[in-house]
């Protein structure tokens, strides 16, 4: 059965670059995703963009891409990242400038917009804020930013246009991976079972070292080998959307049934109804099986049509 290999290069804004570079060099990857946004970080990025219209992307963008571009000179790995944060266009321009300075001429760099809905908030003032249970119109502070968690569609379009590097803003975390899977296997956007499975793969990869033991570790109770050298995960995914999670042999960390189960449940309120912009994923019947040393097979996620709503992160002065 046809398969694809996707690596995780980051799980938060300030993550280490070394495990990602090791994956790109030694992991036989087709794609690598860098997930670097959270509610706090998108708000910080918006404030930076307000101070400087040419900024607003991830603070470590240039540091990371200096090393990523060096690998891309010799390895054909497609890079998908939300390091564009509040300004993916500026990030893409900076990436092009850096590639040109390194003498790399044949990279196609795409950026994706559409998540910033700050100018449209009047349309949504009567919607309920999840934290308060009250309408958005009742927020008293000055609203600085509003970013919807958009889905995989733009990533698929960019890959269909032969993009080598895709830089997004606030795309939903698992959609970074799901976009690559939809493109690679030519899945229908209405094949909700496969979209649910692909969303689970993205959910397992989105936090990088969490699924390789970083989240699981509790020294003396739940020991993880060489935690100081924690490696990042690889997902080998088949065309049905089931996957095997692994890591590089030389990297520290652990891939076990328990490390994977903890990440499956991370930030999931209802395992039967995990809302994303692409699909309502169902993780309730997922099976997690150890099939080898640091090899865990994950199967049987499902999905159904999305509900039409987008989670939106709103930053305001308080």
C-alpha atoms as a PDB file:
ATOM      1  CA  UNK A   1       0.000   0.000   0.000  1.00  0.00           C
ATOM      2  CA  UNK A   2       1.214   3.491  -0.881  1.00  0.00           C
ATOM      3  CA  UNK A   3       2.538   5.506   2.077  1.00  0.00           C
ATOM      4  CA  UNK A   4       4.027   8.910   2.884  1.00  0.00           C
ATOM      5  CA  UNK A   5       6.456  10.035   5.609  1.00  0.00           C
ATOM      6  CA  UNK A   6       5.803  13.272   7.494  1.00  0.00           C
ATOM      7  CA  UNK A   7       8.015  14.647  10.242  1.00  0.00           C
ATOM      8  CA  UNK A   8       7.305  17.164  12.982  1.00  0.00           C
ATOM      9  CA  UNK A   9       9.800  20.015  13.159  1.00  0.00           C
ATOM     10  CA  UNK A  10       8.366  22.104  16.011  1.00  0.00           C
ATOM     11  CA  UNK A  11       5.611  22.017  18.590  1.00  0.00           C
ATOM     12  CA  UNK A  12       5.660  25.602  19.860  1.00  0.00           C
ATOM     13  CA  UNK A  13       7.025  29.053  19.060  1.00  0.00           C
ATOM     14  CA  UNK A  14      10.394  28.587  20.768  1.00  0.00           C
ATOM     15  CA  UNK A  15      11.113  24.922  20.028  1.00  0.00           C
ATOM     16  CA  UNK A  16      14.602  23.620  19.235  1.00  0.00           C
ATOM     17  CA  UNK A  17      15.636  23.367  15.562  1.00  0.00           C
ATOM     18  CA  UNK A  18      18.192  20.543  15.941  1.00  0.00           C
ATOM     19  CA  UNK A  19      15.722  17.609  16.040  1.00  0.00           C
ATOM     20  CA  UNK A  20      13.985  18.980  12.938  1.00  0.00           C
ATOM     21  CA  UNK A  21      17.222  19.222  10.992  1.00  0.00           C
ATOM     22  CA  UNK A  22      18.113  15.666  12.018  1.00  0.00           C
ATOM     23  CA  UNK A  23      14.740  14.486  10.716  1.00  0.00           C
ATOM     24  CA  UNK A  24      15.184  16.301   7.421  1.00  0.00           C
ATOM     25  CA  UNK A  25      18.668  14.868   6.953  1.00  0.00           C
ATOM     26  CA  UNK A  26      18.096  11.298   8.146  1.00  0.00           C
ATOM     27  CA  UNK A  27      14.342  10.623   8.309  1.00  0.00           C
ATOM     28  CA  UNK A  28      13.660   9.924   4.607  1.00  0.00           C
ATOM     29  CA  UNK A  29      10.821  12.454   4.796  1.00  0.00           C
ATOM     30  CA  UNK A  30       8.434  13.621   2.116  1.00  0.00           C
ATOM     31  CA  UNK A  31       7.116  16.522   4.232  1.00  0.00           C
ATOM     32  CA  UNK A  32       7.941  18.258   7.492  1.00  0.00           C
ATOM     33  CA  UNK A  33       5.562  20.479   9.445  1.00  0.00           C
ATOM     34  CA  UNK A  34       6.527  23.247  11.860  1.00  0.00           C
ATOM     35  CA  UNK A  35       3.655  24.112  14.230  1.00  0.00           C
ATOM     36  CA  UNK A  36       4.619  27.279  16.110  1.00  0.00           C
ATOM     37  CA  UNK A  37       1.415  29.097  17.103  1.00  0.00           C
ATOM     38  CA  UNK A  38      -0.868  29.331  20.106  1.00  0.00           C
ATOM     39  CA  UNK A  39      -3.449  31.837  21.311  1.00  0.00           C
ATOM     40  CA  UNK A  40      -0.807  33.865  23.134  1.00  0.00           C
ATOM     41  CA  UNK A  41       1.727  33.789  20.308  1.00  0.00           C
ATOM     42  CA  UNK A  42      -0.677  34.938  17.586  1.00  0.00           C
ATOM     43  CA  UNK A  43      -1.638  37.906  19.792  1.00  0.00           C
ATOM     44  CA  UNK A  44       2.023  38.793  20.391  1.00  0.00           C
ATOM     45  CA  UNK A  45       2.681  38.537  16.648  1.00  0.00           C
ATOM     46  CA  UNK A  46      -0.219  40.885  15.900  1.00  0.00           C
ATOM     47  CA  UNK A  47       1.236  43.497  18.265  1.00  0.00           C
ATOM     48  CA  UNK A  48       4.616  43.222  16.551  1.00  0.00           C
ATOM     49  CA  UNK A  49       2.988  43.666  13.148  1.00  0.00           C
ATOM     50  CA  UNK A  50       1.234  46.791  14.405  1.00  0.00           C
ATOM     51  CA  UNK A  51       4.626  48.222  15.381  1.00  0.00           C
ATOM     52  CA  UNK A  52       6.327  47.098  12.147  1.00  0.00           C
ATOM     53  CA  UNK A  53       4.274  46.167   9.045  1.00  0.00           C
ATOM     54  CA  UNK A  54       7.237  44.114   7.772  1.00  0.00           C
ATOM     55  CA  UNK A  55       7.250  41.869  10.840  1.00  0.00           C
ATOM     56  CA  UNK A  56       4.660  39.871  12.754  1.00  0.00           C
ATOM     57  CA  UNK A  57       6.033  36.441  11.847  1.00  0.00           C
ATOM     58  CA  UNK A  58       7.691  33.991  14.252  1.00  0.00           C
ATOM     59  CA  UNK A  59      10.695  35.470  16.071  1.00  0.00           C
ATOM     60  CA  UNK A  60      12.839  32.428  15.244  1.00  0.00           C
ATOM     61  CA  UNK A  61      11.792  32.366  11.571  1.00  0.00           C
ATOM     62  CA  UNK A  62      15.135  33.557  10.193  1.00  0.00           C
ATOM     63  CA  UNK A  63      17.159  31.437  12.624  1.00  0.00           C
ATOM     64  CA  UNK A  64      15.206  28.318  11.680  1.00  0.00           C
ATOM     65  CA  UNK A  65      15.099  28.910   7.939  1.00  0.00           C
ATOM     66  CA  UNK A  66      18.828  29.614   7.802  1.00  0.00           C
ATOM     67  CA  UNK A  67      19.269  25.956   8.757  1.00  0.00           C
ATOM     68  CA  UNK A  68      16.240  24.588   6.890  1.00  0.00           C
ATOM     69  CA  UNK A  69      17.333  26.145   3.590  1.00  0.00           C
ATOM     70  CA  UNK A  70      20.799  24.617   3.937  1.00  0.00           C
ATOM     71  CA  UNK A  71      19.192  21.166   4.144  1.00  0.00           C
ATOM     72  CA  UNK A  72      16.915  21.899   1.182  1.00  0.00           C
ATOM     73  CA  UNK A  73      20.006  22.370  -0.984  1.00  0.00           C
ATOM     74  CA  UNK A  74      20.543  18.608  -0.752  1.00  0.00           C
ATOM     75  CA  UNK A  75      17.236  17.079   0.413  1.00  0.00           C
ATOM     76  CA  UNK A  76      13.858  17.246  -1.324  1.00  0.00           C
ATOM     77  CA  UNK A  77      11.509  17.719   1.621  1.00  0.00           C
ATOM     78  CA  UNK A  78       8.426  19.928   1.399  1.00  0.00           C
ATOM     79  CA  UNK A  79       8.101  22.334   4.329  1.00  0.00           C
ATOM     80  CA  UNK A  80       4.707  23.398   5.730  1.00  0.00           C
ATOM     81  CA  UNK A  81       4.614  25.865   8.622  1.00  0.00           C
ATOM     82  CA  UNK A  82       2.421  28.391  10.404  1.00  0.00           C
ATOM     83  CA  UNK A  83       5.486  30.454  11.314  1.00  0.00           C
ATOM     84  CA  UNK A  84       3.957  33.229   9.201  1.00  0.00           C
ATOM     85  CA  UNK A  85       1.859  34.008  12.307  1.00  0.00           C
ATOM     86  CA  UNK A  86       0.317  37.474  11.810  1.00  0.00           C
ATOM     87  CA  UNK A  87       2.205  38.215   8.581  1.00  0.00           C
ATOM     88  CA  UNK A  88       2.738  35.200   6.297  1.00  0.00           C
ATOM     89  CA  UNK A  89       3.355  37.440   3.272  1.00  0.00           C
ATOM     90  CA  UNK A  90       6.291  39.193   4.968  1.00  0.00           C
ATOM     91  CA  UNK A  91       7.634  35.815   6.115  1.00  0.00           C
ATOM     92  CA  UNK A  92       7.482  34.443   2.562  1.00  0.00           C
ATOM     93  CA  UNK A  93       9.322  37.508   1.231  1.00  0.00           C
ATOM     94  CA  UNK A  94      12.001  37.069   3.896  1.00  0.00           C
ATOM     95  CA  UNK A  95      12.300  33.374   3.009  1.00  0.00           C
ATOM     96  CA  UNK A  96      12.765  34.229  -0.677  1.00  0.00           C
ATOM     97  CA  UNK A  97      15.407  36.809   0.224  1.00  0.00           C
ATOM     98  CA  UNK A  98      17.276  34.265   2.351  1.00  0.00           C
ATOM     99  CA  UNK A  99      17.077  31.561  -0.333  1.00  0.00           C
ATOM    100  CA  UNK A 100      18.425  33.935  -2.973  1.00  0.00           C
ATOM    101  CA  UNK A 101      21.304  34.923  -0.680  1.00  0.00           C
ATOM    102  CA  UNK A 102      22.180  31.231  -0.381  1.00  0.00           C
ATOM    103  CA  UNK A 103      22.094  30.768  -4.152  1.00  0.00           C
ATOM    104  CA  UNK A 104      18.939  28.640  -4.125  1.00  0.00           C
ATOM    105  CA  UNK A 105      16.974  29.626  -7.207  1.00  0.00           C
ATOM    106  CA  UNK A 106      14.428  26.874  -7.841  1.00  0.00           C
ATOM    107  CA  UNK A 107      12.311  26.909  -4.693  1.00  0.00           C
ATOM    108  CA  UNK A 108       8.640  27.789  -4.996  1.00  0.00           C
ATOM    109  CA  UNK A 109       7.482  29.567  -1.829  1.00  0.00           C
ATOM    110  CA  UNK A 110       3.752  30.068  -1.191  1.00  0.00           C
ATOM    111  CA  UNK A 111       1.994  31.916   1.589  1.00  0.00           C
ATOM    112  CA  UNK A 112      -1.598  31.537   2.737  1.00  0.00           C
ATOM    113  CA  UNK A 113      -3.826  34.291   4.101  1.00  0.00           C
ATOM    114  CA  UNK A 114      -7.482  34.454   5.080  1.00  0.00           C
ATOM    115  CA  UNK A 115      -7.294  33.786   8.801  1.00  0.00           C
ATOM    116  CA  UNK A 116      -7.200  37.452   9.882  1.00  0.00           C
ATOM    117  CA  UNK A 117     -10.824  38.527  10.369  1.00  0.00           C
ATOM    118  CA  UNK A 118     -10.115  41.630  12.470  1.00  0.00           C
ATOM    119  CA  UNK A 119     -11.885  43.882   9.985  1.00  0.00           C
ATOM    120  CA  UNK A 120     -15.023  41.712   9.977  1.00  0.00           C
ATOM    121  CA  UNK A 121     -15.795  41.429  13.691  1.00  0.00           C
ATOM    122  CA  UNK A 122     -18.974  43.502  13.386  1.00  0.00           C
ATOM    123  CA  UNK A 123     -20.485  40.499  11.572  1.00  0.00           C
ATOM    124  CA  UNK A 124     -19.903  38.300  14.621  1.00  0.00           C
ATOM    125  CA  UNK A 125     -20.642  40.602  17.574  1.00  0.00           C
ATOM    126  CA  UNK A 126     -23.627  38.512  18.666  1.00  0.00           C
ATOM    127  CA  UNK A 127     -21.746  35.208  18.752  1.00  0.00           C
ATOM    128  CA  UNK A 128     -20.880  33.726  22.132  1.00  0.00           C
ATOM    129  CA  UNK A 129     -17.369  33.906  23.590  1.00  0.00           C
ATOM    130  CA  UNK A 130     -16.503  30.428  24.879  1.00  0.00           C
ATOM    131  CA  UNK A 131     -14.714  31.632  28.029  1.00  0.00           C
ATOM    132  CA  UNK A 132     -17.435  34.019  29.193  1.00  0.00           C
ATOM    133  CA  UNK A 133     -20.612  32.557  27.747  1.00  0.00           C
ATOM    134  CA  UNK A 134     -21.552  36.114  26.755  1.00  0.00           C
ATOM    135  CA  UNK A 135     -21.739  37.837  23.335  1.00  0.00           C
ATOM    136  CA  UNK A 136     -18.552  39.165  21.764  1.00  0.00           C
ATOM    137  CA  UNK A 137     -20.062  42.665  21.832  1.00  0.00           C
ATOM    138  CA  UNK A 138     -19.740  42.702  25.638  1.00  0.00           C
ATOM    139  CA  UNK A 139     -15.928  42.621  25.616  1.00  0.00           C
ATOM    140  CA  UNK A 140     -14.916  45.966  27.120  1.00  0.00           C
ATOM    141  CA  UNK A 141     -11.264  46.211  26.121  1.00  0.00           C
ATOM    142  CA  UNK A 142      -9.928  47.397  22.774  1.00  0.00           C
ATOM    143  CA  UNK A 143      -9.828  44.433  20.382  1.00  0.00           C
ATOM    144  CA  UNK A 144      -6.398  44.195  18.751  1.00  0.00           C
ATOM    145  CA  UNK A 145      -6.667  41.064  16.637  1.00  0.00           C
ATOM    146  CA  UNK A 146      -8.924  38.245  15.501  1.00  0.00           C
ATOM    147  CA  UNK A 147      -7.603  35.157  13.752  1.00  0.00           C
ATOM    148  CA  UNK A 148      -9.779  32.271  12.628  1.00  0.00           C
ATOM    149  CA  UNK A 149      -8.322  28.761  12.603  1.00  0.00           C
ATOM    150  CA  UNK A 150      -8.638  27.990   8.896  1.00  0.00           C
ATOM    151  CA  UNK A 151      -8.293  24.530   7.379  1.00  0.00           C
ATOM    152  CA  UNK A 152      -6.235  22.542   4.903  1.00  0.00           C
ATOM    153  CA  UNK A 153      -7.706  23.874   1.646  1.00  0.00           C
ATOM    154  CA  UNK A 154      -5.053  26.543   1.000  1.00  0.00           C
ATOM    155  CA  UNK A 155      -2.234  24.097   1.706  1.00  0.00           C
ATOM    156  CA  UNK A 156      -3.694  21.650  -0.804  1.00  0.00           C
ATOM    157  CA  UNK A 157      -3.967  24.410  -3.404  1.00  0.00           C
ATOM    158  CA  UNK A 158      -0.354  25.459  -2.811  1.00  0.00           C
ATOM    159  CA  UNK A 159       0.886  21.862  -3.145  1.00  0.00           C
ATOM    160  CA  UNK A 160      -1.124  21.469  -6.347  1.00  0.00           C
ATOM    161  CA  UNK A 161       0.806  24.528  -7.533  1.00  0.00           C
ATOM    162  CA  UNK A 162       4.099  22.685  -6.825  1.00  0.00           C
ATOM    163  CA  UNK A 163       5.027  24.642  -3.693  1.00  0.00           C
ATOM    164  CA  UNK A 164       8.219  23.586  -1.923  1.00  0.00           C
ATOM    165  CA  UNK A 165       7.677  25.794   1.138  1.00  0.00           C
ATOM    166  CA  UNK A 166       4.234  26.803   2.420  1.00  0.00           C
ATOM    167  CA  UNK A 167       3.964  29.548   5.025  1.00  0.00           C
ATOM    168  CA  UNK A 168       0.623  30.113   6.727  1.00  0.00           C
ATOM    169  CA  UNK A 169      -0.888  32.189   9.459  1.00  0.00           C
ATOM    170  CA  UNK A 170      -3.386  30.710  11.928  1.00  0.00           C
ATOM    171  CA  UNK A 171      -4.135  27.407  10.236  1.00  0.00           C
ATOM    172  CA  UNK A 172      -5.530  24.820  12.660  1.00  0.00           C
ATOM    173  CA  UNK A 173      -2.674  22.719  14.042  1.00  0.00           C
ATOM    174  CA  UNK A 174      -3.629  19.314  12.547  1.00  0.00           C
ATOM    175  CA  UNK A 175      -4.531  20.899   9.197  1.00  0.00           C
ATOM    176  CA  UNK A 176      -0.816  21.448   8.470  1.00  0.00           C
ATOM    177  CA  UNK A 177      -0.421  17.672   8.191  1.00  0.00           C
ATOM    178  CA  UNK A 178      -3.883  17.008   6.782  1.00  0.00           C
ATOM    179  CA  UNK A 179      -3.216  19.314   3.815  1.00  0.00           C
ATOM    180  CA  UNK A 180      -0.186  17.245   2.835  1.00  0.00           C
ATOM    181  CA  UNK A 181      -2.185  14.007   3.123  1.00  0.00           C
ATOM    182  CA  UNK A 182      -5.145  15.292   1.095  1.00  0.00           C
ATOM    183  CA  UNK A 183      -2.771  16.375  -1.657  1.00  0.00           C
ATOM    184  CA  UNK A 184      -0.531  13.312  -1.577  1.00  0.00           C
ATOM    185  CA  UNK A 185      -3.342  10.765  -1.701  1.00  0.00           C
ATOM    186  CA  UNK A 186      -5.827  12.908  -3.637  1.00  0.00           C
ATOM    187  CA  UNK A 187      -8.451  12.523  -0.917  1.00  0.00           C
ATOM    188  CA  UNK A 188     -11.849  14.113  -1.425  1.00  0.00           C
ATOM    189  CA  UNK A 189     -12.701  17.001   0.911  1.00  0.00           C
ATOM    190  CA  UNK A 190     -15.892  15.053   1.650  1.00  0.00           C
ATOM    191  CA  UNK A 191     -14.170  11.768   2.545  1.00  0.00           C
ATOM    192  CA  UNK A 192     -14.709  12.408   6.225  1.00  0.00           C
ATOM    193  CA  UNK A 193     -13.382   9.070   7.460  1.00  0.00           C
ATOM    194  CA  UNK A 194      -9.999   9.699   5.872  1.00  0.00           C
ATOM    195  CA  UNK A 195     -10.070  13.373   6.890  1.00  0.00           C
ATOM    196  CA  UNK A 196     -10.731  12.283  10.480  1.00  0.00           C
ATOM    197  CA  UNK A 197      -7.807   9.866  10.351  1.00  0.00           C
ATOM    198  CA  UNK A 198      -5.543  12.486   8.788  1.00  0.00           C
ATOM    199  CA  UNK A 199      -6.579  14.931  11.500  1.00  0.00           C
ATOM    200  CA  UNK A 200      -5.485  12.409  14.122  1.00  0.00           C
ATOM    201  CA  UNK A 201      -2.094  12.094  12.413  1.00  0.00           C
ATOM    202  CA  UNK A 202      -1.778  15.878  12.484  1.00  0.00           C
ATOM    203  CA  UNK A 203      -2.824  15.939  16.131  1.00  0.00           C
ATOM    204  CA  UNK A 204      -0.111  13.396  16.981  1.00  0.00           C
ATOM    205  CA  UNK A 205       2.565  15.437  15.171  1.00  0.00           C
ATOM    206  CA  UNK A 206       1.507  18.968  16.098  1.00  0.00           C
ATOM    207  CA  UNK A 207       3.291  19.067  19.469  1.00  0.00           C
ATOM    208  CA  UNK A 208       6.572  17.528  18.242  1.00  0.00           C
ATOM    209  CA  UNK A 209       8.407  16.045  21.247  1.00  0.00           C
ATOM    210  CA  UNK A 210       5.237  15.534  23.285  1.00  0.00           C
ATOM    211  CA  UNK A 211       4.461  12.241  21.499  1.00  0.00           C
ATOM    212  CA  UNK A 212       8.072  11.062  21.798  1.00  0.00           C
ATOM    213  CA  UNK A 213       7.986  11.291  25.595  1.00  0.00           C
ATOM    214  CA  UNK A 214       8.243  14.972  26.486  1.00  0.00           C
ATOM    215  CA  UNK A 215       4.644  15.164  27.661  1.00  0.00           C
ATOM    216  CA  UNK A 216       4.715  11.695  29.200  1.00  0.00           C
ATOM    217  CA  UNK A 217       7.972  11.991  31.162  1.00  0.00           C
ATOM    218  CA  UNK A 218       7.810  11.841  34.958  1.00  0.00           C
ATOM    219  CA  UNK A 219      11.316  10.846  36.096  1.00  0.00           C
ATOM    220  CA  UNK A 220      11.281   7.969  38.554  1.00  0.00           C
ATOM    221  CA  UNK A 221       7.725   6.997  37.582  1.00  0.00           C
ATOM    222  CA  UNK A 222       7.629   7.259  33.794  1.00  0.00           C
ATOM    223  CA  UNK A 223      11.220   7.377  32.609  1.00  0.00           C
ATOM    224  CA  UNK A 224      12.158   8.489  29.096  1.00  0.00           C
ATOM    225  CA  UNK A 225      15.613   7.623  27.703  1.00  0.00           C
ATOM    226  CA  UNK A 226      17.931  10.563  26.973  1.00  0.00           C
ATOM    227  CA  UNK A 227      15.302  13.200  27.629  1.00  0.00           C
ATOM    228  CA  UNK A 228      18.006  15.839  27.088  1.00  0.00           C
ATOM    229  CA  UNK A 229      18.307  14.585  23.485  1.00  0.00           C
ATOM    230  CA  UNK A 230      14.552  14.283  22.837  1.00  0.00           C
ATOM    231  CA  UNK A 231      13.882  13.506  19.172  1.00  0.00           C
ATOM    232  CA  UNK A 232      10.835  14.548  17.198  1.00  0.00           C
ATOM    233  CA  UNK A 233       8.322  12.119  15.653  1.00  0.00           C
ATOM    234  CA  UNK A 234       7.793  10.718  12.178  1.00  0.00           C
ATOM    235  CA  UNK A 235       4.412   9.497  10.947  1.00  0.00           C
ATOM    236  CA  UNK A 236       4.346   6.971   8.127  1.00  0.00           C
ATOM    237  CA  UNK A 237       0.805   7.208   6.790  1.00  0.00           C
ATOM    238  CA  UNK A 238      -0.983   4.870   4.399  1.00  0.00           C
ATOM    239  CA  UNK A 239      -3.609   5.918   1.868  1.00  0.00           C
ATOM    240  CA  UNK A 240      -6.413   4.936   4.258  1.00  0.00           C
ATOM    241  CA  UNK A 241      -5.077   7.447   6.786  1.00  0.00           C
ATOM    242  CA  UNK A 242      -3.758   4.992   9.374  1.00  0.00           C
ATOM    243  CA  UNK A 243      -0.207   5.582  10.574  1.00  0.00           C
ATOM    244  CA  UNK A 244       2.879   4.320  12.360  1.00  0.00           C
ATOM    245  CA  UNK A 245       4.603   6.760  14.732  1.00  0.00           C
ATOM    246  CA  UNK A 246       8.370   6.439  15.125  1.00  0.00           C
ATOM    247  CA  UNK A 247      11.521   8.470  15.765  1.00  0.00           C
ATOM    248  CA  UNK A 248      15.103   8.373  14.572  1.00  0.00           C
ATOM    249  CA  UNK A 249      17.078   5.515  16.117  1.00  0.00           C
ATOM    250  CA  UNK A 250      19.869   7.866  17.229  1.00  0.00           C
ATOM    251  CA  UNK A 251      17.505  10.337  18.904  1.00  0.00           C
ATOM    252  CA  UNK A 252      16.510  10.313  22.543  1.00  0.00           C
ATOM    253  CA  UNK A 253      12.948   9.880  23.672  1.00  0.00           C
ATOM    254  CA  UNK A 254      10.381   7.109  23.584  1.00  0.00           C
ATOM    255  CA  UNK A 255       7.513   6.096  21.305  1.00  0.00           C
ATOM    256  CA  UNK A 256       5.205   3.772  23.238  1.00  0.00           C
ATOM    257  CA  UNK A 257       1.512   2.990  23.524  1.00  0.00           C
ATOM    258  CA  UNK A 258       1.333   5.316  26.530  1.00  0.00           C
ATOM    259  CA  UNK A 259       3.205   8.272  24.981  1.00  0.00           C
ATOM    260  CA  UNK A 260       0.910   8.063  21.966  1.00  0.00           C
ATOM    261  CA  UNK A 261      -2.292   7.675  24.009  1.00  0.00           C
ATOM    262  CA  UNK A 262      -1.446  10.744  26.083  1.00  0.00           C
ATOM    263  CA  UNK A 263      -1.051  12.829  22.938  1.00  0.00           C
ATOM    264  CA  UNK A 264      -4.245  11.392  21.373  1.00  0.00           C
ATOM    265  CA  UNK A 265      -6.142  12.749  24.402  1.00  0.00           C
ATOM    266  CA  UNK A 266      -4.254  16.060  24.651  1.00  0.00           C
ATOM    267  CA  UNK A 267      -6.644  19.061  24.463  1.00  0.00           C
ATOM    268  CA  UNK A 268      -9.564  16.824  23.411  1.00  0.00           C
ATOM    269  CA  UNK A 269     -12.800  17.675  25.241  1.00  0.00           C
ATOM    270  CA  UNK A 270     -15.029  15.122  23.467  1.00  0.00           C
ATOM    271  CA  UNK A 271     -13.223  12.232  21.740  1.00  0.00           C
ATOM    272  CA  UNK A 272     -16.236  11.591  19.504  1.00  0.00           C
ATOM    273  CA  UNK A 273     -16.532  15.201  18.374  1.00  0.00           C
ATOM    274  CA  UNK A 274     -13.216  17.009  17.901  1.00  0.00           C
ATOM    275  CA  UNK A 275     -14.137  20.126  15.930  1.00  0.00           C
ATOM    276  CA  UNK A 276     -11.763  21.310  13.220  1.00  0.00           C
ATOM    277  CA  UNK A 277     -12.410  23.459  10.143  1.00  0.00           C
ATOM    278  CA  UNK A 278     -11.997  20.412   7.884  1.00  0.00           C
ATOM    279  CA  UNK A 279     -13.909  17.695   9.737  1.00  0.00           C
ATOM    280  CA  UNK A 280     -15.430  16.700  13.055  1.00  0.00           C
ATOM    281  CA  UNK A 281     -12.948  14.002  14.010  1.00  0.00           C
ATOM    282  CA  UNK A 282     -13.929  10.943  16.058  1.00  0.00           C
ATOM    283  CA  UNK A 283     -11.093   9.416  18.104  1.00  0.00           C
ATOM    284  CA  UNK A 284     -13.349   7.237  20.294  1.00  0.00           C
ATOM    285  CA  UNK A 285     -12.554   3.941  18.541  1.00  0.00           C
ATOM    286  CA  UNK A 286      -8.850   4.544  17.893  1.00  0.00           C
ATOM    287  CA  UNK A 287      -6.542   1.581  18.498  1.00  0.00           C
ATOM    288  CA  UNK A 288      -2.920   2.074  19.561  1.00  0.00           C
ATOM    289  CA  UNK A 289      -0.583  -0.918  19.183  1.00  0.00           C
ATOM    290  CA  UNK A 290       3.129  -1.363  19.845  1.00  0.00           C
ATOM    291  CA  UNK A 291       4.520  -3.154  16.787  1.00  0.00           C
ATOM    292  CA  UNK A 292       8.240  -2.751  17.444  1.00  0.00           C
ATOM    293  CA  UNK A 293      10.889  -0.824  19.346  1.00  0.00           C
ATOM    294  CA  UNK A 294       9.715   2.828  19.214  1.00  0.00           C
ATOM    295  CA  UNK A 295       7.106   1.878  16.600  1.00  0.00           C
ATOM    296  CA  UNK A 296       3.417   2.411  17.387  1.00  0.00           C
ATOM    297  CA  UNK A 297       0.561   1.760  14.970  1.00  0.00           C
ATOM    298  CA  UNK A 298      -2.493   4.045  15.210  1.00  0.00           C
ATOM    299  CA  UNK A 299      -5.713   3.065  13.433  1.00  0.00           C
ATOM    300  CA  UNK A 300      -9.484   3.469  13.233  1.00  0.00           C
ATOM    301  CA  UNK A 301     -10.115   7.179  13.676  1.00  0.00           C
ATOM    302  CA  UNK A 302     -13.233   8.415  11.901  1.00  0.00           C
ATOM    303  CA  UNK A 303     -14.948  11.662  11.015  1.00  0.00           C
ATOM    304  CA  UNK A 304     -18.061  13.460   9.853  1.00  0.00           C
ATOM    305  CA  UNK A 305     -18.888  16.724   8.118  1.00  0.00           C
ATOM    306  CA  UNK A 306     -17.585  19.908   9.812  1.00  0.00           C
ATOM    307  CA  UNK A 307     -20.081  22.126  11.618  1.00  0.00           C
ATOM    308  CA  UNK A 308     -19.357  25.255   9.567  1.00  0.00           C
ATOM    309  CA  UNK A 309     -17.891  27.249  12.465  1.00  0.00           C
ATOM    310  CA  UNK A 310     -14.269  28.366  12.853  1.00  0.00           C
ATOM    311  CA  UNK A 311     -12.553  28.680  16.200  1.00  0.00           C
ATOM    312  CA  UNK A 312     -11.323  32.276  16.381  1.00  0.00           C
ATOM    313  CA  UNK A 313      -8.694  33.662  18.723  1.00  0.00           C
ATOM    314  CA  UNK A 314      -9.378  37.275  19.706  1.00  0.00           C
ATOM    315  CA  UNK A 315      -6.775  39.449  21.432  1.00  0.00           C
ATOM    316  CA  UNK A 316      -7.816  42.557  23.356  1.00  0.00           C
ATOM    317  CA  UNK A 317      -6.478  44.984  25.969  1.00  0.00           C
ATOM    318  CA  UNK A 318      -7.658  44.168  29.484  1.00  0.00           C
END
